[in-house]
């Protein structure tokens, strides 16, 4: 299991309309949701060290981060998707 600071991170998958989204869920409290930029994934942002999520979690928030459709470790639903179609909801 991975952690952010002292907070364990649960990794999960959400399936909707034959597309599978990968997400991380950490902390407890009011929900904060983060969606990464359009050209990267959660893993890329983590490797680059762009954000420090510890203050968010230490501040009593539950943080859910997800990889947008056609980003990150996809298992179903990625074949045939193009960025312009994903952005248009197709």
PDB file of N, CA and C in Angstrom:
ATOM      1  N   UNK A   1       0.850  -1.183   0.000  1.00  0.00           N
ATOM      2  CA  UNK A   1       0.000   0.000   0.000  1.00  0.00           C
ATOM      3  C   UNK A   1       0.895   1.246   0.000  1.00  0.00           C
ATOM      4  N   UNK A   2       0.522   2.212  -0.778  1.00  0.00           N
ATOM      5  CA  UNK A   2       1.272   3.465  -0.808  1.00  0.00           C
ATOM      6  C   UNK A   2       0.697   4.414   0.247  1.00  0.00           C
ATOM      7  N   UNK A   3       1.471   5.430   0.551  1.00  0.00           N
ATOM      8  CA  UNK A   3       1.023   6.438   1.509  1.00  0.00           C
ATOM      9  C   UNK A   3       1.368   7.830   0.992  1.00  0.00           C
ATOM     10  N   UNK A   4       0.647   8.816   1.489  1.00  0.00           N
ATOM     11  CA  UNK A   4       0.970  10.236   1.295  1.00  0.00           C
ATOM     12  C   UNK A   4       1.169  10.771   2.696  1.00  0.00           C
ATOM     13  N   UNK A   5       2.431  11.050   3.047  1.00  0.00           N
ATOM     14  CA  UNK A   5       2.724  11.392   4.427  1.00  0.00           C
ATOM     15  C   UNK A   5       2.387  10.192   5.294  1.00  0.00           C
ATOM     16  N   UNK A   6       1.559  10.376   6.289  1.00  0.00           N
ATOM     17  CA  UNK A   6       1.143   9.277   7.157  1.00  0.00           C
ATOM     18  C   UNK A   6      -0.192   8.669   6.730  1.00  0.00           C
ATOM     19  N   UNK A   7      -0.732   9.114   5.600  1.00  0.00           N
ATOM     20  CA  UNK A   7      -2.060   8.705   5.155  1.00  0.00           C
ATOM     21  C   UNK A   7      -1.980   7.566   4.132  1.00  0.00           C
ATOM     22  N   UNK A   8      -2.608   6.407   4.432  1.00  0.00           N
ATOM     23  CA  UNK A   8      -2.634   5.321   3.451  1.00  0.00           C
ATOM     24  C   UNK A   8      -3.490   5.712   2.245  1.00  0.00           C
ATOM     25  N   UNK A   9      -3.096   5.224   1.076  1.00  0.00           N
ATOM     26  CA  UNK A   9      -3.809   5.513  -0.168  1.00  0.00           C
ATOM     27  C   UNK A   9      -4.423   4.220  -0.694  1.00  0.00           C
ATOM     28  N   UNK A  10      -5.731   4.240  -0.900  1.00  0.00           N
ATOM     29  CA  UNK A  10      -6.421   3.114  -1.506  1.00  0.00           C
ATOM     30  C   UNK A  10      -6.504   3.365  -3.010  1.00  0.00           C
ATOM     31  N   UNK A  11      -6.094   2.397  -3.788  1.00  0.00           N
ATOM     32  CA  UNK A  11      -6.191   2.515  -5.241  1.00  0.00           C
ATOM     33  C   UNK A  11      -7.408   1.731  -5.700  1.00  0.00           C
ATOM     34  N   UNK A  12      -8.154   2.293  -6.639  1.00  0.00           N
ATOM     35  CA  UNK A  12      -9.351   1.623  -7.115  1.00  0.00           C
ATOM     36  C   UNK A  12      -9.603   1.875  -8.586  1.00  0.00           C
ATOM     37  N   UNK A  13     -10.644   1.229  -9.061  1.00  0.00           N
ATOM     38  CA  UNK A  13     -11.064   1.354 -10.458  1.00  0.00           C
ATOM     39  C   UNK A  13     -12.566   1.572 -10.496  1.00  0.00           C
ATOM     40  N   UNK A  14     -12.999   2.409 -11.426  1.00  0.00           N
ATOM     41  CA  UNK A  14     -14.408   2.703 -11.617  1.00  0.00           C
ATOM     42  C   UNK A  14     -14.739   2.446 -13.071  1.00  0.00           C
ATOM     43  N   UNK A  15     -15.739   1.631 -13.333  1.00  0.00           N
ATOM     44  CA  UNK A  15     -16.132   1.318 -14.704  1.00  0.00           C
ATOM     45  C   UNK A  15     -17.459   1.994 -15.027  1.00  0.00           C
ATOM     46  N   UNK A  16     -17.488   2.649 -16.168  1.00  0.00           N
ATOM     47  CA  UNK A  16     -18.704   3.317 -16.631  1.00  0.00           C
ATOM     48  C   UNK A  16     -18.702   3.321 -18.149  1.00  0.00           C
ATOM     49  N   UNK A  17     -19.771   2.827 -18.742  1.00  0.00           N
ATOM     50  CA  UNK A  17     -19.905   2.796 -20.204  1.00  0.00           C
ATOM     51  C   UNK A  17     -18.685   2.188 -20.883  1.00  0.00           C
ATOM     52  N   UNK A  18     -18.247   1.047 -20.389  1.00  0.00           N
ATOM     53  CA  UNK A  18     -17.136   0.266 -20.940  1.00  0.00           C
ATOM     54  C   UNK A  18     -15.781   0.971 -20.807  1.00  0.00           C
ATOM     55  N   UNK A  19     -15.714   2.060 -20.094  1.00  0.00           N
ATOM     56  CA  UNK A  19     -14.439   2.734 -19.837  1.00  0.00           C
ATOM     57  C   UNK A  19     -14.072   2.507 -18.378  1.00  0.00           C
ATOM     58  N   UNK A  20     -12.800   2.306 -18.123  1.00  0.00           N
ATOM     59  CA  UNK A  20     -12.328   2.077 -16.767  1.00  0.00           C
ATOM     60  C   UNK A  20     -11.432   3.230 -16.344  1.00  0.00           C
ATOM     61  N   UNK A  21     -11.784   3.888 -15.241  1.00  0.00           N
ATOM     62  CA  UNK A  21     -10.986   4.979 -14.701  1.00  0.00           C
ATOM     63  C   UNK A  21     -10.280   4.486 -13.447  1.00  0.00           C
ATOM     64  N   UNK A  22      -9.035   4.884 -13.285  1.00  0.00           N
ATOM     65  CA  UNK A  22      -8.239   4.505 -12.124  1.00  0.00           C
ATOM     66  C   UNK A  22      -8.183   5.705 -11.183  1.00  0.00           C
ATOM     67  N   UNK A  23      -8.349   5.442  -9.870  1.00  0.00           N
ATOM     68  CA  UNK A  23      -8.338   6.545  -8.909  1.00  0.00           C
ATOM     69  C   UNK A  23      -7.577   6.159  -7.645  1.00  0.00           C
ATOM     70  N   UNK A  24      -7.142   7.184  -6.912  1.00  0.00           N
ATOM     71  CA  UNK A  24      -6.543   7.047  -5.580  1.00  0.00           C
ATOM     72  C   UNK A  24      -7.464   7.741  -4.596  1.00  0.00           C
ATOM     73  N   UNK A  25      -7.587   7.168  -3.398  1.00  0.00           N
ATOM     74  CA  UNK A  25      -8.473   7.701  -2.365  1.00  0.00           C
ATOM     75  C   UNK A  25      -7.704   7.692  -1.043  1.00  0.00           C
ATOM     76  N   UNK A  26      -7.558   8.855  -0.410  1.00  0.00           N
ATOM     77  CA  UNK A  26      -6.798   8.948   0.841  1.00  0.00           C
ATOM     78  C   UNK A  26      -7.457   9.948   1.774  1.00  0.00           C
ATOM     79  N   UNK A  27      -7.244   9.758   3.065  1.00  0.00           N
ATOM     80  CA  UNK A  27      -7.714  10.705   4.064  1.00  0.00           C
ATOM     81  C   UNK A  27      -9.169  10.512   4.434  1.00  0.00           C
ATOM     82  N   UNK A  28      -9.618  11.351   5.367  1.00  0.00           N
ATOM     83  CA  UNK A  28     -10.992  11.333   5.858  1.00  0.00           C
ATOM     84  C   UNK A  28     -11.470  12.764   6.008  1.00  0.00           C
ATOM     85  N   UNK A  29     -12.760  12.960   5.842  1.00  0.00           N
ATOM     86  CA  UNK A  29     -13.342  14.282   5.997  1.00  0.00           C
ATOM     87  C   UNK A  29     -14.040  14.724   4.732  1.00  0.00           C
ATOM     88  N   UNK A  30     -14.299  16.033   4.614  1.00  0.00           N
ATOM     89  CA  UNK A  30     -14.949  16.553   3.409  1.00  0.00           C
ATOM     90  C   UNK A  30     -14.125  16.207   2.160  1.00  0.00           C
ATOM     91  N   UNK A  31     -14.814  15.894   1.095  1.00  0.00           N
ATOM     92  CA  UNK A  31     -14.177  15.412  -0.128  1.00  0.00           C
ATOM     93  C   UNK A  31     -13.549  16.537  -0.949  1.00  0.00           C
ATOM     94  N   UNK A  32     -12.334  16.298  -1.398  1.00  0.00           N
ATOM     95  CA  UNK A  32     -11.664  17.142  -2.384  1.00  0.00           C
ATOM     96  C   UNK A  32     -11.301  16.233  -3.553  1.00  0.00           C
ATOM     97  N   UNK A  33     -11.681  16.617  -4.771  1.00  0.00           N
ATOM     98  CA  UNK A  33     -11.403  15.810  -5.962  1.00  0.00           C
ATOM     99  C   UNK A  33     -10.421  16.563  -6.838  1.00  0.00           C
ATOM    100  N   UNK A  34      -9.407  15.840  -7.335  1.00  0.00           N
ATOM    101  CA  UNK A  34      -8.413  16.449  -8.204  1.00  0.00           C
ATOM    102  C   UNK A  34      -8.347  15.678  -9.520  1.00  0.00           C
ATOM    103  N   UNK A  35      -8.418  16.414 -10.609  1.00  0.00           N
ATOM    104  CA  UNK A  35      -8.254  15.850 -11.953  1.00  0.00           C
ATOM    105  C   UNK A  35      -6.985  16.443 -12.552  1.00  0.00           C
ATOM    106  N   UNK A  36      -6.081  15.600 -12.985  1.00  0.00           N
ATOM    107  CA  UNK A  36      -4.792  16.065 -13.512  1.00  0.00           C
ATOM    108  C   UNK A  36      -4.947  16.813 -14.822  1.00  0.00           C
ATOM    109  N   UNK A  37      -3.876  17.466 -15.231  1.00  0.00           N
ATOM    110  CA  UNK A  37      -3.845  18.177 -16.501  1.00  0.00           C
ATOM    111  C   UNK A  37      -4.022  17.230 -17.686  1.00  0.00           C
ATOM    112  N   UNK A  38      -4.388  17.774 -18.822  1.00  0.00           N
ATOM    113  CA  UNK A  38      -4.747  16.970 -19.985  1.00  0.00           C
ATOM    114  C   UNK A  38      -3.634  16.205 -20.663  1.00  0.00           C
ATOM    115  N   UNK A  39      -2.389  16.530 -20.421  1.00  0.00           N
ATOM    116  CA  UNK A  39      -1.293  15.870 -21.138  1.00  0.00           C
ATOM    117  C   UNK A  39      -0.498  14.903 -20.278  1.00  0.00           C
ATOM    118  N   UNK A  40      -0.901  14.702 -19.025  1.00  0.00           N
ATOM    119  CA  UNK A  40      -0.149  13.835 -18.126  1.00  0.00           C
ATOM    120  C   UNK A  40      -1.107  12.895 -17.399  1.00  0.00           C
ATOM    121  N   UNK A  41      -0.562  12.097 -16.500  1.00  0.00           N
ATOM    122  CA  UNK A  41      -1.353  11.210 -15.652  1.00  0.00           C
ATOM    123  C   UNK A  41      -0.965  11.472 -14.198  1.00  0.00           C
ATOM    124  N   UNK A  42      -1.668  10.828 -13.268  1.00  0.00           N
ATOM    125  CA  UNK A  42      -1.302  10.941 -11.859  1.00  0.00           C
ATOM    126  C   UNK A  42       0.144  10.526 -11.640  1.00  0.00           C
ATOM    127  N   UNK A  43       0.536   9.418 -12.270  1.00  0.00           N
ATOM    128  CA  UNK A  43       1.888   8.890 -12.072  1.00  0.00           C
ATOM    129  C   UNK A  43       2.944   9.886 -12.540  1.00  0.00           C
ATOM    130  N   UNK A  44       2.701  10.548 -13.663  1.00  0.00           N
ATOM    131  CA  UNK A  44       3.660  11.534 -14.174  1.00  0.00           C
ATOM    132  C   UNK A  44       3.750  12.714 -13.211  1.00  0.00           C
ATOM    133  N   UNK A  45       2.612  13.209 -12.746  1.00  0.00           N
ATOM    134  CA  UNK A  45       2.641  14.318 -11.786  1.00  0.00           C
ATOM    135  C   UNK A  45       3.368  13.924 -10.510  1.00  0.00           C
ATOM    136  N   UNK A  46       3.150  12.694 -10.044  1.00  0.00           N
ATOM    137  CA  UNK A  46       3.839  12.228  -8.833  1.00  0.00           C
ATOM    138  C   UNK A  46       5.345  12.174  -9.049  1.00  0.00           C
ATOM    139  N   UNK A  47       5.773  11.630 -10.190  1.00  0.00           N
ATOM    140  CA  UNK A  47       7.223  11.551 -10.479  1.00  0.00           C
ATOM    141  C   UNK A  47       7.851  12.933 -10.593  1.00  0.00           C
ATOM    142  N   UNK A  48       7.101  13.898 -11.115  1.00  0.00           N
ATOM    143  CA  UNK A  48       7.618  15.263 -11.268  1.00  0.00           C
ATOM    144  C   UNK A  48       7.616  16.024  -9.947  1.00  0.00           C
ATOM    145  N   UNK A  49       6.893  15.525  -8.951  1.00  0.00           N
ATOM    146  CA  UNK A  49       6.825  16.199  -7.657  1.00  0.00           C
ATOM    147  C   UNK A  49       6.123  17.545  -7.709  1.00  0.00           C
ATOM    148  N   UNK A  50       5.102  17.654  -8.559  1.00  0.00           N
ATOM    149  CA  UNK A  50       4.434  18.938  -8.756  1.00  0.00           C
ATOM    150  C   UNK A  50       3.599  19.393  -7.554  1.00  0.00           C
ATOM    151  N   UNK A  51       3.010  18.429  -6.833  1.00  0.00           N
ATOM    152  CA  UNK A  51       2.099  18.793  -5.756  1.00  0.00           C
ATOM    153  C   UNK A  51       2.460  18.060  -4.477  1.00  0.00           C
ATOM    154  N   UNK A  52       2.263  18.741  -3.359  1.00  0.00           N
ATOM    155  CA  UNK A  52       2.418  18.138  -2.041  1.00  0.00           C
ATOM    156  C   UNK A  52       1.012  18.029  -1.453  1.00  0.00           C
ATOM    157  N   UNK A  53       0.482  16.816  -1.414  1.00  0.00           N
ATOM    158  CA  UNK A  53      -0.884  16.601  -0.956  1.00  0.00           C
ATOM    159  C   UNK A  53      -0.985  16.457   0.556  1.00  0.00           C
ATOM    160  N   UNK A  54       0.141  16.377   1.258  1.00  0.00           N
ATOM    161  CA  UNK A  54       0.121  16.181   2.708  1.00  0.00           C
ATOM    162  C   UNK A  54      -0.670  17.290   3.422  1.00  0.00           C
ATOM    163  N   UNK A  55      -0.491  18.574   3.107  1.00  0.00           N
ATOM    164  CA  UNK A  55      -1.275  19.601   3.805  1.00  0.00           C
ATOM    165  C   UNK A  55      -2.788  19.447   3.613  1.00  0.00           C
ATOM    166  N   UNK A  56      -3.204  18.974   2.452  1.00  0.00           N
ATOM    167  CA  UNK A  56      -4.634  18.760   2.200  1.00  0.00           C
ATOM    168  C   UNK A  56      -5.160  17.667   3.129  1.00  0.00           C
ATOM    169  N   UNK A  57      -4.416  16.564   3.194  1.00  0.00           N
ATOM    170  CA  UNK A  57      -4.835  15.438   4.027  1.00  0.00           C
ATOM    171  C   UNK A  57      -4.706  15.752   5.509  1.00  0.00           C
ATOM    172  N   UNK A  58      -3.619  16.411   5.899  1.00  0.00           N
ATOM    173  CA  UNK A  58      -3.440  16.798   7.301  1.00  0.00           C
ATOM    174  C   UNK A  58      -4.490  17.825   7.735  1.00  0.00           C
ATOM    175  N   UNK A  59      -5.043  18.554   6.769  1.00  0.00           N
ATOM    176  CA  UNK A  59      -6.084  19.541   7.053  1.00  0.00           C
ATOM    177  C   UNK A  59      -7.466  18.934   7.225  1.00  0.00           C
ATOM    178  N   UNK A  60      -7.552  17.602   7.222  1.00  0.00           N
ATOM    179  CA  UNK A  60      -8.830  16.943   7.478  1.00  0.00           C
ATOM    180  C   UNK A  60      -9.694  16.732   6.261  1.00  0.00           C
ATOM    181  N   UNK A  61      -9.082  16.604   5.104  1.00  0.00           N
ATOM    182  CA  UNK A  61      -9.823  16.350   3.867  1.00  0.00           C
ATOM    183  C   UNK A  61      -9.611  14.928   3.378  1.00  0.00           C
ATOM    184  N   UNK A  62     -10.595  14.423   2.679  1.00  0.00           N
ATOM    185  CA  UNK A  62     -10.466  13.178   1.923  1.00  0.00           C
ATOM    186  C   UNK A  62     -10.134  13.587   0.501  1.00  0.00           C
ATOM    187  N   UNK A  63      -9.063  13.048  -0.065  1.00  0.00           N
ATOM    188  CA  UNK A  63      -8.612  13.417  -1.406  1.00  0.00           C
ATOM    189  C   UNK A  63      -8.789  12.244  -2.360  1.00  0.00           C
ATOM    190  N   UNK A  64      -9.528  12.486  -3.431  1.00  0.00           N
ATOM    191  CA  UNK A  64      -9.672  11.504  -4.504  1.00  0.00           C
ATOM    192  C   UNK A  64      -9.063  12.112  -5.754  1.00  0.00           C
ATOM    193  N   UNK A  65      -8.082  11.405  -6.313  1.00  0.00           N
ATOM    194  CA  UNK A  65      -7.451  11.813  -7.584  1.00  0.00           C
ATOM    195  C   UNK A  65      -7.725  10.721  -8.594  1.00  0.00           C
ATOM    196  N   UNK A  66      -8.024  11.104  -9.835  1.00  0.00           N
ATOM    197  CA  UNK A  66      -8.279  10.081 -10.842  1.00  0.00           C
ATOM    198  C   UNK A  66      -7.552  10.388 -12.135  1.00  0.00           C
ATOM    199  N   UNK A  67      -7.297   9.323 -12.881  1.00  0.00           N
ATOM    200  CA  UNK A  67      -6.729   9.466 -14.216  1.00  0.00           C
ATOM    201  C   UNK A  67      -7.871   9.606 -15.200  1.00  0.00           C
ATOM    202  N   UNK A  68      -7.848  10.689 -15.966  1.00  0.00           N
ATOM    203  CA  UNK A  68      -8.900  10.937 -16.946  1.00  0.00           C
ATOM    204  C   UNK A  68      -8.926   9.833 -18.001  1.00  0.00           C
ATOM    205  N   UNK A  69     -10.040   9.728 -18.659  1.00  0.00           N
ATOM    206  CA  UNK A  69     -10.208   8.732 -19.710  1.00  0.00           C
ATOM    207  C   UNK A  69      -9.077   8.865 -20.730  1.00  0.00           C
ATOM    208  N   UNK A  70      -8.511   7.728 -21.107  1.00  0.00           N
ATOM    209  CA  UNK A  70      -7.391   7.642 -22.056  1.00  0.00           C
ATOM    210  C   UNK A  70      -6.063   8.097 -21.455  1.00  0.00           C
ATOM    211  N   UNK A  71      -5.986   8.165 -20.118  1.00  0.00           N
ATOM    212  CA  UNK A  71      -4.752   8.472 -19.402  1.00  0.00           C
ATOM    213  C   UNK A  71      -4.531   7.387 -18.355  1.00  0.00           C
ATOM    214  N   UNK A  72      -3.293   7.188 -17.965  1.00  0.00           N
ATOM    215  CA  UNK A  72      -3.001   6.253 -16.890  1.00  0.00           C
ATOM    216  C   UNK A  72      -3.147   4.797 -17.300  1.00  0.00           C
ATOM    217  N   UNK A  73      -3.173   3.912 -16.313  1.00  0.00           N
ATOM    218  CA  UNK A  73      -3.184   2.465 -16.575  1.00  0.00           C
ATOM    219  C   UNK A  73      -4.572   1.937 -16.920  1.00  0.00           C
ATOM    220  N   UNK A  74      -4.949   2.014 -18.180  1.00  0.00           N
ATOM    221  CA  UNK A  74      -6.253   1.545 -18.622  1.00  0.00           C
ATOM    222  C   UNK A  74      -6.230   0.063 -18.930  1.00  0.00           C
ATOM    223  N   UNK A  75      -7.364  -0.598 -18.643  1.00  0.00           N
ATOM    224  CA  UNK A  75      -7.506  -2.013 -18.961  1.00  0.00           C
ATOM    225  C   UNK A  75      -8.631  -2.260 -19.947  1.00  0.00           C
ATOM    226  N   UNK A  76      -9.649  -1.424 -19.907  1.00  0.00           N
ATOM    227  CA  UNK A  76     -10.764  -1.566 -20.843  1.00  0.00           C
ATOM    228  C   UNK A  76     -11.195  -0.189 -21.280  1.00  0.00           C
ATOM    229  N   UNK A  77     -11.671  -0.088 -22.508  1.00  0.00           N
ATOM    230  CA  UNK A  77     -12.284   1.143 -22.967  1.00  0.00           C
ATOM    231  C   UNK A  77     -11.330   2.138 -23.599  1.00  0.00           C
ATOM    232  N   UNK A  78     -10.026   1.886 -23.584  1.00  0.00           N
ATOM    233  CA  UNK A  78      -9.085   2.863 -24.132  1.00  0.00           C
ATOM    234  C   UNK A  78      -8.906   2.708 -25.628  1.00  0.00           C
ATOM    235  N   UNK A  79      -9.065   1.519 -26.148  1.00  0.00           N
ATOM    236  CA  UNK A  79      -8.851   1.281 -27.572  1.00  0.00           C
ATOM    237  C   UNK A  79      -9.825   2.108 -28.400  1.00  0.00           C
ATOM    238  N   UNK A  80      -9.291   2.789 -29.384  1.00  0.00           N
ATOM    239  CA  UNK A  80     -10.125   3.553 -30.291  1.00  0.00           C
ATOM    240  C   UNK A  80     -10.468   4.947 -29.804  1.00  0.00           C
ATOM    241  N   UNK A  81     -10.095   5.299 -28.594  1.00  0.00           N
ATOM    242  CA  UNK A  81     -10.403   6.638 -28.097  1.00  0.00           C
ATOM    243  C   UNK A  81      -9.324   7.614 -28.558  1.00  0.00           C
ATOM    244  N   UNK A  82      -9.755   8.755 -28.963  1.00  0.00           N
ATOM    245  CA  UNK A  82      -8.864   9.837 -29.359  1.00  0.00           C
ATOM    246  C   UNK A  82      -9.120  11.009 -28.426  1.00  0.00           C
ATOM    247  N   UNK A  83      -8.081  11.791 -28.151  1.00  0.00           N
ATOM    248  CA  UNK A  83      -8.202  12.862 -27.179  1.00  0.00           C
ATOM    249  C   UNK A  83      -9.365  13.804 -27.515  1.00  0.00           C
ATOM    250  N   UNK A  84      -9.513  14.201 -28.802  1.00  0.00           N
ATOM    251  CA  UNK A  84     -10.580  15.138 -29.134  1.00  0.00           C
ATOM    252  C   UNK A  84     -11.962  14.530 -28.897  1.00  0.00           C
ATOM    253  N   UNK A  85     -12.101  13.211 -29.062  1.00  0.00           N
ATOM    254  CA  UNK A  85     -13.375  12.568 -28.783  1.00  0.00           C
ATOM    255  C   UNK A  85     -13.628  12.461 -27.292  1.00  0.00           C
ATOM    256  N   UNK A  86     -12.558  12.178 -26.525  1.00  0.00           N
ATOM    257  CA  UNK A  86     -12.711  12.107 -25.067  1.00  0.00           C
ATOM    258  C   UNK A  86     -13.143  13.455 -24.506  1.00  0.00           C
ATOM    259  N   UNK A  87     -12.543  14.520 -25.003  1.00  0.00           N
ATOM    260  CA  UNK A  87     -12.885  15.853 -24.520  1.00  0.00           C
ATOM    261  C   UNK A  87     -14.306  16.223 -24.888  1.00  0.00           C
ATOM    262  N   UNK A  88     -14.799  15.673 -26.016  1.00  0.00           N
ATOM    263  CA  UNK A  88     -16.158  15.933 -26.444  1.00  0.00           C
ATOM    264  C   UNK A  88     -17.162  14.982 -25.810  1.00  0.00           C
ATOM    265  N   UNK A  89     -16.654  14.038 -24.969  1.00  0.00           N
ATOM    266  CA  UNK A  89     -17.536  13.099 -24.301  1.00  0.00           C
ATOM    267  C   UNK A  89     -17.856  11.878 -25.137  1.00  0.00           C
ATOM    268  N   UNK A  90     -17.118  11.668 -26.250  1.00  0.00           N
ATOM    269  CA  UNK A  90     -17.415  10.522 -27.121  1.00  0.00           C
ATOM    270  C   UNK A  90     -16.560   9.329 -26.887  1.00  0.00           C
TER     271      UNK A  90
END
